[in-house]
N, C-alpha and C. Protein backbone atom coordinates (compact mmCIF):
# COMPACT_ATOMS: atom_id res chain seq x y z
N MET A 1 0.83 -1.21 0.00
CA MET A 1 0.00 0.00 0.00
C MET A 1 0.86 1.26 0.00
N TYR A 2 2.01 1.18 0.74
CA TYR A 2 2.88 2.35 0.77
C TYR A 2 3.49 2.63 -0.59
N LEU A 3 3.93 1.56 -1.29
CA LEU A 3 4.50 1.75 -2.61
C LEU A 3 3.46 2.25 -3.58
N GLN A 4 2.21 1.76 -3.46
CA GLN A 4 1.16 2.25 -4.34
C GLN A 4 0.91 3.73 -4.12
N ALA A 5 0.95 4.14 -2.86
CA ALA A 5 0.69 5.55 -2.58
C ALA A 5 1.83 6.43 -3.09
N VAL A 6 3.07 5.93 -2.94
CA VAL A 6 4.22 6.74 -3.38
C VAL A 6 4.35 6.77 -4.89
N MET A 7 4.28 5.62 -5.55
CA MET A 7 4.51 5.52 -6.98
C MET A 7 3.29 5.94 -7.79
N GLY A 8 2.17 5.96 -7.21
CA GLY A 8 0.99 6.43 -7.92
C GLY A 8 0.17 5.34 -8.53
N GLY A 9 0.36 4.09 -8.15
CA GLY A 9 -0.47 3.04 -8.71
C GLY A 9 0.15 1.68 -8.51
N PRO A 10 -0.63 0.61 -8.71
CA PRO A 10 -0.09 -0.75 -8.49
C PRO A 10 0.95 -1.14 -9.51
N LYS A 11 0.83 -0.68 -10.76
CA LYS A 11 1.81 -1.06 -11.78
C LYS A 11 3.18 -0.45 -11.50
N LYS A 12 3.18 0.81 -11.16
CA LYS A 12 4.46 1.46 -10.87
C LYS A 12 5.10 0.90 -9.61
N ALA A 13 4.29 0.55 -8.64
CA ALA A 13 4.83 -0.05 -7.42
C ALA A 13 5.45 -1.41 -7.72
N LYS A 14 4.83 -2.18 -8.59
CA LYS A 14 5.36 -3.48 -8.97
C LYS A 14 6.69 -3.34 -9.72
N THR A 15 6.79 -2.35 -10.61
CA THR A 15 8.05 -2.11 -11.34
C THR A 15 9.17 -1.72 -10.39
N ALA A 16 8.86 -0.86 -9.42
CA ALA A 16 9.87 -0.44 -8.45
C ALA A 16 10.37 -1.62 -7.64
N THR A 17 9.46 -2.53 -7.30
CA THR A 17 9.86 -3.73 -6.54
C THR A 17 10.80 -4.61 -7.34
N LYS A 18 10.53 -4.78 -8.63
CA LYS A 18 11.40 -5.58 -9.48
C LYS A 18 12.80 -4.96 -9.58
N LEU A 19 12.87 -3.64 -9.73
CA LEU A 19 14.17 -2.97 -9.83
C LEU A 19 14.96 -3.11 -8.54
N THR A 20 14.28 -3.02 -7.43
CA THR A 20 14.96 -3.18 -6.15
C THR A 20 15.51 -4.58 -5.99
N ASN A 21 14.72 -5.56 -6.35
CA ASN A 21 15.19 -6.95 -6.26
C ASN A 21 16.35 -7.22 -7.20
N LEU A 22 16.31 -6.62 -8.40
CA LEU A 22 17.39 -6.82 -9.37
C LEU A 22 18.70 -6.21 -8.87
N ALA A 23 18.64 -5.02 -8.27
CA ALA A 23 19.85 -4.39 -7.72
C ALA A 23 20.41 -5.20 -6.57
N ALA A 24 19.54 -5.74 -5.73
CA ALA A 24 20.01 -6.57 -4.61
C ALA A 24 20.66 -7.85 -5.11
N ALA A 25 20.12 -8.42 -6.18
CA ALA A 25 20.70 -9.65 -6.73
C ALA A 25 22.09 -9.38 -7.31
N ARG A 26 22.26 -8.27 -7.99
CA ARG A 26 23.57 -7.92 -8.54
C ARG A 26 24.60 -7.70 -7.44
N ALA A 27 24.19 -7.02 -6.38
CA ALA A 27 25.11 -6.80 -5.26
C ALA A 27 25.53 -8.11 -4.62
N ASP A 28 24.58 -9.02 -4.44
CA ASP A 28 24.92 -10.31 -3.87
C ASP A 28 25.86 -11.11 -4.75
N LYS A 29 25.68 -10.99 -6.07
CA LYS A 29 26.55 -11.71 -7.01
C LYS A 29 27.99 -11.18 -6.95
N LYS A 30 28.13 -9.85 -6.87
CA LYS A 30 29.48 -9.26 -6.78
C LYS A 30 30.15 -9.67 -5.48
N LEU A 31 29.37 -9.67 -4.38
CA LEU A 31 29.93 -10.06 -3.09
C LEU A 31 30.38 -11.52 -3.10
N ALA A 32 29.59 -12.37 -3.73
CA ALA A 32 29.97 -13.78 -3.81
C ALA A 32 31.23 -13.98 -4.65
N THR A 33 31.36 -13.21 -5.73
CA THR A 33 32.56 -13.31 -6.57
C THR A 33 33.80 -12.89 -5.82
N LEU A 34 33.72 -11.80 -5.05
CA LEU A 34 34.87 -11.34 -4.27
C LEU A 34 35.27 -12.35 -3.21
N ARG A 35 34.29 -12.96 -2.56
CA ARG A 35 34.60 -13.97 -1.54
C ARG A 35 35.24 -15.20 -2.17
N ALA A 36 34.79 -15.57 -3.36
CA ALA A 36 35.38 -16.72 -4.04
C ALA A 36 36.83 -16.45 -4.42
N LEU A 37 37.13 -15.22 -4.84
CA LEU A 37 38.52 -14.89 -5.17
C LEU A 37 39.41 -14.90 -3.94
N GLU A 38 38.87 -14.44 -2.81
CA GLU A 38 39.67 -14.44 -1.58
C GLU A 38 39.94 -15.86 -1.08
N ASP A 39 38.96 -16.73 -1.23
CA ASP A 39 39.12 -18.09 -0.74
C ASP A 39 39.89 -18.99 -1.69
N SER A 40 40.08 -18.57 -2.94
CA SER A 40 40.77 -19.42 -3.91
C SER A 40 42.25 -19.49 -3.60
N PRO A 41 42.91 -20.62 -3.82
CA PRO A 41 44.35 -20.74 -3.51
C PRO A 41 45.23 -19.95 -4.46
N LYS A 42 44.73 -19.62 -5.63
CA LYS A 42 45.53 -18.87 -6.60
C LYS A 42 45.63 -17.42 -6.14
N LYS A 43 46.82 -16.91 -6.17
CA LYS A 43 47.05 -15.52 -5.82
C LYS A 43 47.28 -14.70 -7.08
N ARG A 44 47.13 -13.45 -6.90
CA ARG A 44 47.37 -12.56 -8.03
C ARG A 44 48.85 -12.58 -8.42
N ARG A 45 49.10 -12.59 -9.69
CA ARG A 45 50.48 -12.59 -10.16
C ARG A 45 51.11 -11.21 -9.98
N LYS A 46 52.34 -11.25 -9.57
CA LYS A 46 53.06 -9.99 -9.41
C LYS A 46 53.46 -9.45 -10.78
N PRO A 47 53.43 -8.16 -10.96
CA PRO A 47 53.82 -7.60 -12.27
C PRO A 47 55.29 -7.84 -12.55
N ARG A 48 55.57 -8.22 -13.76
CA ARG A 48 56.95 -8.48 -14.15
C ARG A 48 57.70 -7.17 -14.38
N ILE A 49 58.92 -7.14 -13.90
CA ILE A 49 59.78 -5.96 -14.06
C ILE A 49 60.79 -6.27 -15.14
N ARG A 50 60.71 -5.55 -16.20
CA ARG A 50 61.63 -5.75 -17.32
C ARG A 50 62.72 -4.70 -17.26
N VAL A 51 63.94 -5.14 -17.16
CA VAL A 51 65.09 -4.24 -17.11
C VAL A 51 65.71 -4.21 -18.50
N THR A 52 65.61 -3.08 -19.14
CA THR A 52 66.16 -2.94 -20.49
C THR A 52 67.53 -2.29 -20.49
N ALA A 53 67.96 -1.76 -19.36
CA ALA A 53 69.26 -1.12 -19.29
C ALA A 53 69.79 -1.22 -17.87
N LEU A 54 71.08 -1.09 -17.71
CA LEU A 54 71.70 -1.13 -16.40
C LEU A 54 71.66 0.24 -15.75
N PRO A 55 71.62 0.32 -14.41
CA PRO A 55 71.51 1.62 -13.75
C PRO A 55 72.76 2.45 -13.94
N SER A 56 72.54 3.76 -14.09
CA SER A 56 73.64 4.70 -14.24
C SER A 56 73.75 5.51 -12.96
N LEU A 57 74.37 6.70 -13.05
CA LEU A 57 74.54 7.54 -11.89
C LEU A 57 73.19 8.05 -11.40
N PRO A 58 73.02 8.27 -10.08
CA PRO A 58 71.73 8.75 -9.57
C PRO A 58 71.48 10.19 -9.97
N THR A 59 70.20 10.56 -10.08
CA THR A 59 69.83 11.92 -10.41
C THR A 59 69.85 12.77 -9.15
N ARG A 60 69.49 14.05 -9.29
CA ARG A 60 69.50 14.96 -8.15
C ARG A 60 68.47 14.57 -7.11
N LYS A 61 67.34 13.98 -7.51
CA LYS A 61 66.31 13.58 -6.57
C LYS A 61 66.64 12.27 -5.87
N GLY A 62 67.73 11.63 -6.22
CA GLY A 62 68.13 10.39 -5.58
C GLY A 62 67.63 9.15 -6.25
N LYS A 63 66.84 9.26 -7.30
CA LYS A 63 66.32 8.09 -8.00
C LYS A 63 67.30 7.68 -9.10
N PRO A 64 67.58 6.38 -9.25
CA PRO A 64 68.52 5.95 -10.29
C PRO A 64 67.93 6.17 -11.68
N ARG A 65 68.79 6.58 -12.59
CA ARG A 65 68.38 6.82 -13.97
C ARG A 65 68.93 5.70 -14.84
N LEU A 66 68.06 5.06 -15.62
CA LEU A 66 68.45 3.94 -16.47
C LEU A 66 68.89 4.46 -17.82
N LEU A 67 70.10 4.14 -18.18
CA LEU A 67 70.64 4.56 -19.46
C LEU A 67 71.31 3.37 -20.13
N PRO A 68 71.15 3.20 -21.42
CA PRO A 68 71.80 2.09 -22.11
C PRO A 68 73.28 2.37 -22.31
N PHE A 69 74.07 1.30 -22.41
CA PHE A 69 75.49 1.42 -22.65
C PHE A 69 75.72 1.63 -24.15
N THR A 70 75.81 2.87 -24.56
CA THR A 70 76.07 3.19 -25.96
C THR A 70 77.49 3.69 -26.10
N LYS A 71 78.15 3.28 -27.13
CA LYS A 71 79.53 3.70 -27.34
C LYS A 71 79.56 5.16 -27.76
N PRO A 72 80.41 5.97 -27.12
CA PRO A 72 80.46 7.40 -27.48
C PRO A 72 80.89 7.58 -28.93
N GLN A 73 80.30 8.58 -29.56
CA GLN A 73 80.61 8.90 -30.94
C GLN A 73 80.94 10.38 -31.07
N GLY A 74 81.51 10.74 -32.20
CA GLY A 74 81.84 12.14 -32.44
C GLY A 74 83.24 12.49 -31.96
N ARG A 75 83.44 13.78 -31.65
CA ARG A 75 84.74 14.29 -31.20
C ARG A 75 84.62 14.85 -29.79
N ARG A 76 85.77 14.93 -29.10
CA ARG A 76 85.84 15.51 -27.76
C ARG A 76 87.05 16.42 -27.69
N LEU A 77 87.00 17.37 -26.74
CA LEU A 77 88.12 18.27 -26.50
C LEU A 77 88.98 17.71 -25.38
N TRP A 78 90.27 17.53 -25.67
CA TRP A 78 91.21 16.97 -24.71
C TRP A 78 92.28 18.02 -24.37
N SER A 79 92.68 18.04 -23.11
CA SER A 79 93.84 18.82 -22.72
C SER A 79 95.08 17.94 -22.82
N MET A 80 96.24 18.56 -22.98
CA MET A 80 97.48 17.80 -23.15
C MET A 80 97.81 16.98 -21.90
N LYS A 81 97.51 17.53 -20.73
CA LYS A 81 97.77 16.80 -19.49
C LYS A 81 96.88 15.56 -19.41
N ALA A 82 95.62 15.68 -19.83
CA ALA A 82 94.71 14.53 -19.80
C ALA A 82 95.17 13.45 -20.76
N VAL A 83 95.71 13.83 -21.91
CA VAL A 83 96.23 12.84 -22.87
C VAL A 83 97.41 12.09 -22.26
N GLU A 84 98.31 12.81 -21.59
CA GLU A 84 99.46 12.16 -20.96
C GLU A 84 99.01 11.18 -19.87
N ILE A 85 98.01 11.56 -19.09
CA ILE A 85 97.51 10.68 -18.03
C ILE A 85 96.89 9.42 -18.63
N ALA A 86 96.13 9.57 -19.71
CA ALA A 86 95.51 8.41 -20.35
C ALA A 86 96.57 7.46 -20.93
N ILE A 87 97.58 8.03 -21.57
CA ILE A 87 98.66 7.19 -22.13
C ILE A 87 99.40 6.46 -21.03
N ARG A 88 99.69 7.16 -19.93
CA ARG A 88 100.42 6.53 -18.83
C ARG A 88 99.59 5.41 -18.20
N THR A 89 98.29 5.61 -18.10
CA THR A 89 97.42 4.58 -17.52
C THR A 89 97.42 3.32 -18.37
N VAL A 90 97.32 3.50 -19.69
CA VAL A 90 97.29 2.35 -20.59
C VAL A 90 98.63 1.62 -20.57
N VAL A 91 99.74 2.36 -20.55
CA VAL A 91 101.07 1.75 -20.56
C VAL A 91 101.33 0.98 -19.27
N ASP A 92 100.94 1.57 -18.12
CA ASP A 92 101.16 0.89 -16.84
C ASP A 92 100.36 -0.41 -16.75
N HIS A 93 99.17 -0.42 -17.29
CA HIS A 93 98.37 -1.65 -17.27
C HIS A 93 98.93 -2.69 -18.24
N GLY A 94 99.48 -2.22 -19.36
CA GLY A 94 100.05 -3.16 -20.32
C GLY A 94 101.25 -3.92 -19.78
N ARG A 95 101.93 -3.37 -18.78
CA ARG A 95 103.06 -4.08 -18.19
C ARG A 95 102.62 -5.27 -17.34
N ALA A 96 101.44 -5.19 -16.78
CA ALA A 96 100.96 -6.27 -15.91
C ALA A 96 99.97 -7.20 -16.61
N CYS A 97 99.49 -6.83 -17.78
CA CYS A 97 98.49 -7.63 -18.48
C CYS A 97 99.02 -8.01 -19.85
N ASN A 98 98.94 -9.27 -20.18
CA ASN A 98 99.37 -9.73 -21.49
C ASN A 98 98.24 -9.56 -22.50
N GLY A 99 98.52 -8.88 -23.59
CA GLY A 99 97.52 -8.66 -24.62
C GLY A 99 96.49 -7.62 -24.23
N ALA A 100 96.94 -6.56 -23.53
CA ALA A 100 96.02 -5.51 -23.11
C ALA A 100 95.45 -4.79 -24.34
N ASN A 101 94.14 -4.63 -24.35
CA ASN A 101 93.47 -3.96 -25.47
C ASN A 101 92.27 -3.20 -24.91
N PHE A 102 92.40 -1.88 -24.82
CA PHE A 102 91.38 -1.06 -24.18
C PHE A 102 90.35 -0.57 -25.20
N HIS A 103 89.10 -0.48 -24.73
CA HIS A 103 88.01 0.09 -25.51
C HIS A 103 87.19 1.00 -24.60
N ILE A 104 86.58 2.01 -25.19
CA ILE A 104 85.71 2.91 -24.44
C ILE A 104 84.33 2.28 -24.34
N VAL A 105 83.87 2.06 -23.11
CA VAL A 105 82.58 1.39 -22.89
C VAL A 105 81.53 2.33 -22.30
N ARG A 106 81.95 3.45 -21.74
CA ARG A 106 80.98 4.35 -21.13
C ARG A 106 81.51 5.78 -21.14
N GLU A 107 80.58 6.72 -21.17
CA GLU A 107 80.93 8.14 -21.10
C GLU A 107 79.94 8.86 -20.20
N HIS A 108 80.47 9.66 -19.29
CA HIS A 108 79.64 10.50 -18.43
C HIS A 108 80.10 11.94 -18.62
N ARG A 109 79.21 12.76 -19.20
CA ARG A 109 79.57 14.14 -19.53
C ARG A 109 79.04 15.08 -18.46
N THR A 110 79.88 16.03 -18.05
CA THR A 110 79.52 17.14 -17.18
C THR A 110 79.91 18.41 -17.91
N GLY A 111 78.92 19.04 -18.54
CA GLY A 111 79.25 20.17 -19.39
C GLY A 111 79.96 19.68 -20.64
N MET A 112 81.16 20.19 -20.87
CA MET A 112 81.97 19.75 -22.00
C MET A 112 83.11 18.82 -21.57
N VAL A 113 83.14 18.48 -20.29
CA VAL A 113 84.16 17.57 -19.78
C VAL A 113 83.57 16.17 -19.73
N SER A 114 84.26 15.22 -20.33
CA SER A 114 83.79 13.83 -20.38
C SER A 114 84.68 12.95 -19.51
N GLN A 115 84.04 12.03 -18.81
CA GLN A 115 84.77 11.00 -18.08
C GLN A 115 84.51 9.67 -18.79
N LEU A 116 85.54 9.18 -19.44
CA LEU A 116 85.45 7.95 -20.22
C LEU A 116 85.88 6.77 -19.37
N THR A 117 85.17 5.67 -19.52
CA THR A 117 85.53 4.42 -18.84
C THR A 117 86.17 3.49 -19.86
N LEU A 118 87.45 3.18 -19.64
CA LEU A 118 88.19 2.28 -20.52
C LEU A 118 88.15 0.86 -19.95
N LYS A 119 87.94 -0.11 -20.82
CA LYS A 119 87.85 -1.50 -20.40
C LYS A 119 88.82 -2.35 -21.20
N CYS A 120 89.59 -3.15 -20.49
CA CYS A 120 90.53 -4.06 -21.14
C CYS A 120 89.80 -5.33 -21.54
N GLU A 121 89.91 -5.69 -22.81
CA GLU A 121 89.23 -6.88 -23.31
C GLU A 121 89.88 -8.17 -22.83
N ALA A 122 91.14 -8.09 -22.41
CA ALA A 122 91.85 -9.31 -21.98
C ALA A 122 91.49 -9.71 -20.55
N CYS A 123 91.52 -8.74 -19.62
CA CYS A 123 91.30 -9.06 -18.20
C CYS A 123 90.07 -8.37 -17.62
N ARG A 124 89.29 -7.67 -18.44
CA ARG A 124 88.06 -6.99 -18.00
C ARG A 124 88.33 -5.90 -16.98
N TYR A 125 89.53 -5.35 -17.01
CA TYR A 125 89.88 -4.26 -16.09
C TYR A 125 89.32 -2.94 -16.62
N THR A 126 88.71 -2.14 -15.75
CA THR A 126 88.14 -0.85 -16.15
C THR A 126 88.82 0.27 -15.38
N VAL A 127 88.99 1.40 -16.04
CA VAL A 127 89.63 2.56 -15.42
C VAL A 127 89.00 3.82 -16.00
N PRO A 128 88.65 4.82 -15.15
CA PRO A 128 88.09 6.08 -15.66
C PRO A 128 89.19 7.05 -16.07
N VAL A 129 88.93 7.79 -17.14
CA VAL A 129 89.87 8.78 -17.66
C VAL A 129 89.08 10.04 -18.02
N LYS A 130 89.55 11.19 -17.56
CA LYS A 130 88.91 12.47 -17.87
C LYS A 130 89.56 13.11 -19.08
N THR A 131 88.76 13.86 -19.84
CA THR A 131 89.28 14.54 -21.02
C THR A 131 89.85 15.91 -20.72
N ASP A 132 89.65 16.41 -19.51
CA ASP A 132 90.15 17.73 -19.14
C ASP A 132 90.85 17.63 -17.80
N SER A 133 92.03 18.24 -17.69
CA SER A 133 92.81 18.20 -16.45
C SER A 133 92.58 19.48 -15.66
N ASP A 134 93.14 19.52 -14.46
CA ASP A 134 92.94 20.66 -13.57
C ASP A 134 94.06 21.70 -13.66
N ASP A 135 95.03 21.49 -14.54
CA ASP A 135 96.15 22.44 -14.60
C ASP A 135 95.88 23.60 -15.56
N CYS A 136 94.72 23.61 -16.21
CA CYS A 136 94.39 24.71 -17.12
C CYS A 136 93.85 25.90 -16.33
N THR A 137 93.86 27.06 -16.98
CA THR A 137 93.35 28.26 -16.32
C THR A 137 91.87 28.14 -16.04
N LEU A 138 91.12 27.72 -17.01
CA LEU A 138 89.69 27.50 -16.87
C LEU A 138 89.35 26.09 -17.33
N SER A 139 88.26 25.57 -16.79
CA SER A 139 87.80 24.28 -17.28
C SER A 139 87.24 24.42 -18.69
N CYS A 140 87.05 23.30 -19.36
CA CYS A 140 86.59 23.33 -20.74
C CYS A 140 85.21 23.98 -20.85
N THR A 141 84.35 23.71 -19.88
CA THR A 141 82.99 24.28 -19.90
C THR A 141 83.03 25.79 -19.70
N GLU A 142 83.79 26.25 -18.70
CA GLU A 142 83.88 27.69 -18.42
C GLU A 142 84.56 28.43 -19.56
N ALA A 143 85.56 27.79 -20.18
CA ALA A 143 86.23 28.44 -21.31
C ALA A 143 85.28 28.61 -22.50
N ALA A 144 84.42 27.63 -22.73
CA ALA A 144 83.46 27.74 -23.84
C ALA A 144 82.45 28.84 -23.58
N VAL A 145 81.97 28.96 -22.34
CA VAL A 145 81.03 30.03 -22.00
C VAL A 145 81.71 31.39 -22.09
N TRP A 146 82.95 31.47 -21.66
CA TRP A 146 83.71 32.72 -21.75
C TRP A 146 83.93 33.13 -23.20
N ALA A 147 84.21 32.16 -24.05
CA ALA A 147 84.38 32.45 -25.48
C ALA A 147 83.09 32.97 -26.09
N GLY A 148 81.95 32.41 -25.68
CA GLY A 148 80.68 32.88 -26.20
C GLY A 148 80.36 34.29 -25.79
N ASN A 149 80.83 34.72 -24.62
CA ASN A 149 80.58 36.08 -24.16
C ASN A 149 81.56 37.09 -24.75
N THR A 150 82.83 36.72 -24.83
CA THR A 150 83.83 37.67 -25.34
C THR A 150 83.68 37.92 -26.84
N THR A 151 83.25 36.92 -27.58
CA THR A 151 83.07 37.10 -29.03
C THR A 151 81.71 37.68 -29.38
N GLY A 152 80.78 37.69 -28.41
CA GLY A 152 79.45 38.21 -28.68
C GLY A 152 78.56 37.25 -29.45
N SER A 153 78.95 36.00 -29.55
CA SER A 153 78.17 35.05 -30.34
C SER A 153 76.97 34.52 -29.57
N GLY A 154 77.16 34.19 -28.29
CA GLY A 154 76.06 33.68 -27.49
C GLY A 154 75.90 32.17 -27.59
N TYR A 155 74.86 31.68 -26.94
CA TYR A 155 74.67 30.23 -26.82
C TYR A 155 74.32 29.58 -28.16
N THR A 156 73.43 30.19 -28.92
CA THR A 156 72.95 29.55 -30.16
C THR A 156 74.07 29.39 -31.17
N VAL A 157 74.86 30.44 -31.37
CA VAL A 157 75.96 30.37 -32.34
C VAL A 157 77.00 29.35 -31.89
N MET A 158 77.33 29.35 -30.60
CA MET A 158 78.31 28.39 -30.10
C MET A 158 77.81 26.96 -30.25
N ARG A 159 76.54 26.75 -29.98
CA ARG A 159 75.99 25.39 -30.10
C ARG A 159 76.03 24.91 -31.54
N HIS A 160 75.68 25.77 -32.49
CA HIS A 160 75.72 25.37 -33.90
C HIS A 160 77.17 25.15 -34.38
N ALA A 161 78.09 25.96 -33.88
CA ALA A 161 79.49 25.80 -34.28
C ALA A 161 80.05 24.46 -33.80
N PHE A 162 79.77 24.11 -32.56
CA PHE A 162 80.26 22.84 -32.04
C PHE A 162 79.51 21.66 -32.65
N ALA A 163 78.24 21.86 -33.02
CA ALA A 163 77.51 20.79 -33.70
C ALA A 163 78.14 20.50 -35.07
N ALA A 164 78.62 21.56 -35.76
CA ALA A 164 79.29 21.34 -37.04
C ALA A 164 80.60 20.59 -36.86
N LEU A 165 81.25 20.80 -35.69
CA LEU A 165 82.49 20.07 -35.39
C LEU A 165 82.21 18.68 -34.81
N ASP A 166 80.94 18.33 -34.61
CA ASP A 166 80.54 17.03 -34.04
C ASP A 166 81.04 16.89 -32.60
N VAL A 167 81.02 18.01 -31.88
CA VAL A 167 81.41 18.03 -30.47
C VAL A 167 80.17 18.37 -29.64
N PRO A 168 79.78 17.57 -28.69
CA PRO A 168 78.60 17.89 -27.88
C PRO A 168 78.82 19.14 -27.04
N PHE A 169 77.86 20.06 -27.08
CA PHE A 169 77.96 21.32 -26.36
C PHE A 169 77.15 21.23 -25.08
N VAL A 170 77.33 22.23 -24.22
CA VAL A 170 76.63 22.26 -22.94
C VAL A 170 75.16 22.59 -23.15
N THR A 171 74.34 22.26 -22.16
CA THR A 171 72.93 22.59 -22.22
C THR A 171 72.72 24.07 -21.90
N TRP A 172 71.53 24.56 -22.21
CA TRP A 172 71.22 25.97 -21.95
C TRP A 172 71.25 26.28 -20.45
N LYS A 173 70.81 25.35 -19.63
CA LYS A 173 70.79 25.57 -18.18
C LYS A 173 72.22 25.72 -17.64
N THR A 174 73.12 24.84 -18.07
CA THR A 174 74.52 24.94 -17.63
C THR A 174 75.16 26.22 -18.15
N TYR A 175 74.88 26.56 -19.40
CA TYR A 175 75.45 27.78 -19.98
C TYR A 175 75.00 29.01 -19.19
N LEU A 176 73.73 29.06 -18.83
CA LEU A 176 73.20 30.21 -18.09
C LEU A 176 73.81 30.30 -16.70
N GLN A 177 74.00 29.16 -16.04
CA GLN A 177 74.62 29.16 -14.71
C GLN A 177 76.06 29.68 -14.76
N LYS A 178 76.84 29.20 -15.72
CA LYS A 178 78.22 29.67 -15.85
C LYS A 178 78.27 31.14 -16.24
N GLU A 179 77.33 31.57 -17.08
CA GLU A 179 77.30 32.97 -17.49
C GLU A 179 77.00 33.89 -16.31
N GLN A 180 76.07 33.50 -15.47
CA GLN A 180 75.77 34.29 -14.28
C GLN A 180 76.96 34.31 -13.31
N LYS A 181 77.67 33.20 -13.21
CA LYS A 181 78.85 33.15 -12.35
C LYS A 181 79.92 34.12 -12.85
N PHE A 182 80.16 34.14 -14.17
CA PHE A 182 81.13 35.08 -14.73
C PHE A 182 80.68 36.52 -14.51
N HIS A 183 79.40 36.77 -14.61
CA HIS A 183 78.89 38.13 -14.42
C HIS A 183 79.19 38.63 -13.01
N HIS A 184 78.95 37.79 -11.99
CA HIS A 184 79.22 38.19 -10.61
C HIS A 184 80.71 38.36 -10.36
N GLU A 185 81.53 37.49 -10.94
CA GLU A 185 82.98 37.61 -10.75
C GLU A 185 83.52 38.88 -11.41
N MET A 186 83.07 39.19 -12.62
CA MET A 186 83.53 40.40 -13.30
C MET A 186 83.06 41.65 -12.57
N LYS A 187 81.88 41.63 -12.01
CA LYS A 187 81.38 42.77 -11.24
C LYS A 187 82.23 43.00 -9.99
N ALA A 188 82.60 41.91 -9.31
CA ALA A 188 83.44 42.04 -8.12
C ALA A 188 84.81 42.59 -8.47
N VAL A 189 85.40 42.11 -9.58
CA VAL A 189 86.72 42.62 -10.01
C VAL A 189 86.63 44.08 -10.41
N ARG A 190 85.56 44.46 -11.11
CA ARG A 190 85.38 45.85 -11.52
C ARG A 190 85.27 46.78 -10.32
N ASP A 191 84.51 46.38 -9.30
CA ASP A 191 84.37 47.21 -8.10
C ASP A 191 85.70 47.34 -7.38
N GLU A 192 86.46 46.26 -7.34
CA GLU A 192 87.77 46.32 -6.67
C GLU A 192 88.72 47.25 -7.41
N VAL A 193 88.72 47.21 -8.74
CA VAL A 193 89.59 48.10 -9.53
C VAL A 193 89.18 49.55 -9.35
N LEU A 194 87.89 49.84 -9.33
CA LEU A 194 87.43 51.21 -9.14
C LEU A 194 87.82 51.76 -7.77
N LEU A 195 87.73 50.95 -6.73
CA LEU A 195 88.14 51.39 -5.40
C LEU A 195 89.64 51.64 -5.33
N GLU A 196 90.41 50.78 -5.97
CA GLU A 196 91.87 50.96 -5.98
C GLU A 196 92.26 52.23 -6.73
N ASN A 197 91.60 52.51 -7.85
CA ASN A 197 91.88 53.74 -8.58
C ASN A 197 91.49 54.97 -7.77
N GLY A 198 90.38 54.88 -7.03
CA GLY A 198 89.96 56.00 -6.18
C GLY A 198 90.97 56.28 -5.08
N ARG A 199 91.52 55.23 -4.45
CA ARG A 199 92.53 55.43 -3.42
C ARG A 199 93.79 56.08 -4.00
N GLU A 200 94.18 55.61 -5.18
CA GLU A 200 95.38 56.17 -5.82
C GLU A 200 95.20 57.63 -6.18
N GLU A 201 94.04 58.00 -6.68
CA GLU A 201 93.78 59.39 -7.02
C GLU A 201 93.76 60.27 -5.78
N ARG A 202 93.23 59.77 -4.68
CA ARG A 202 93.18 60.55 -3.46
C ARG A 202 94.58 60.78 -2.90
N GLU A 203 95.43 59.73 -2.95
CA GLU A 203 96.80 59.90 -2.48
C GLU A 203 97.56 60.90 -3.35
N ASN A 204 97.38 60.85 -4.65
CA ASN A 204 98.06 61.79 -5.53
C ASN A 204 97.59 63.22 -5.29
N TYR A 205 96.32 63.39 -5.00
CA TYR A 205 95.79 64.73 -4.77
C TYR A 205 96.29 65.30 -3.45
N SER A 206 96.43 64.45 -2.42
CA SER A 206 96.90 64.94 -1.12
C SER A 206 98.39 65.24 -1.13
N ASN A 207 99.16 64.59 -1.99
CA ASN A 207 100.61 64.82 -2.04
C ASN A 207 101.01 65.97 -2.96
N CYS A 208 100.17 66.35 -3.84
CA CYS A 208 100.54 67.41 -4.79
C CYS A 208 100.44 68.77 -4.10
N ARG A 209 101.21 69.76 -4.58
CA ARG A 209 101.22 71.12 -4.05
C ARG A 209 100.30 72.00 -4.90
N VAL A 210 99.63 72.90 -4.21
CA VAL A 210 98.73 73.81 -4.91
C VAL A 210 99.51 75.07 -5.28
N ILE A 211 99.53 75.39 -6.54
CA ILE A 211 100.25 76.56 -7.05
C ILE A 211 99.22 77.54 -7.60
N SER A 212 99.26 78.75 -7.11
CA SER A 212 98.33 79.78 -7.58
C SER A 212 99.05 80.82 -8.38
N PHE A 213 98.44 81.24 -9.44
CA PHE A 213 99.02 82.27 -10.32
C PHE A 213 98.23 83.56 -10.14
N ILE A 214 98.95 84.66 -9.98
CA ILE A 214 98.33 85.97 -9.83
C ILE A 214 98.64 86.77 -11.09
N CYS A 215 97.61 87.19 -11.75
CA CYS A 215 97.81 87.99 -12.95
C CYS A 215 97.63 89.46 -12.66
């Protein structure tokens, strides 16, 4: 009687009853399916982890970055001291290893400075070698940024020039950081020179004699 009063008649009340029973049956079926899955001895399979590359150096956030081992290509800038160190390393290993034969298996670039990993095919010995030494006035990255500023070419021209030489150039973020560093250093040197010139002028003015002419 309540359904008839609410729905407006016996037919509508009967339809509402059927819909309610159908929804309850579906809910019971889903509940039974979930209970059967919980009681079954088969467990869910764990997702397979496919490793397509070996881990490389960690990123700034601390998460490892996966990079494939690709052989470096193109050209690199070497300092003479770095060449001597690489030759000495290969020669010293050749004295203790018969049939020493080194190959480059990995490269880690920081700006324009590369750290190459050499591997001996005979004994599987690996040794890192840098392309830039510390005895130069500026590092290779800072020298490239300085050249872009002194010549007035900027980042785009320098990047295209090194691309034509098949030499990997620094990223825009690194270039901007080094450029700002040079700007602060040059400003500090300029202020120091101006203060020194001011002191010298003041000393010269205090030591000179004032001569007056009467006409």
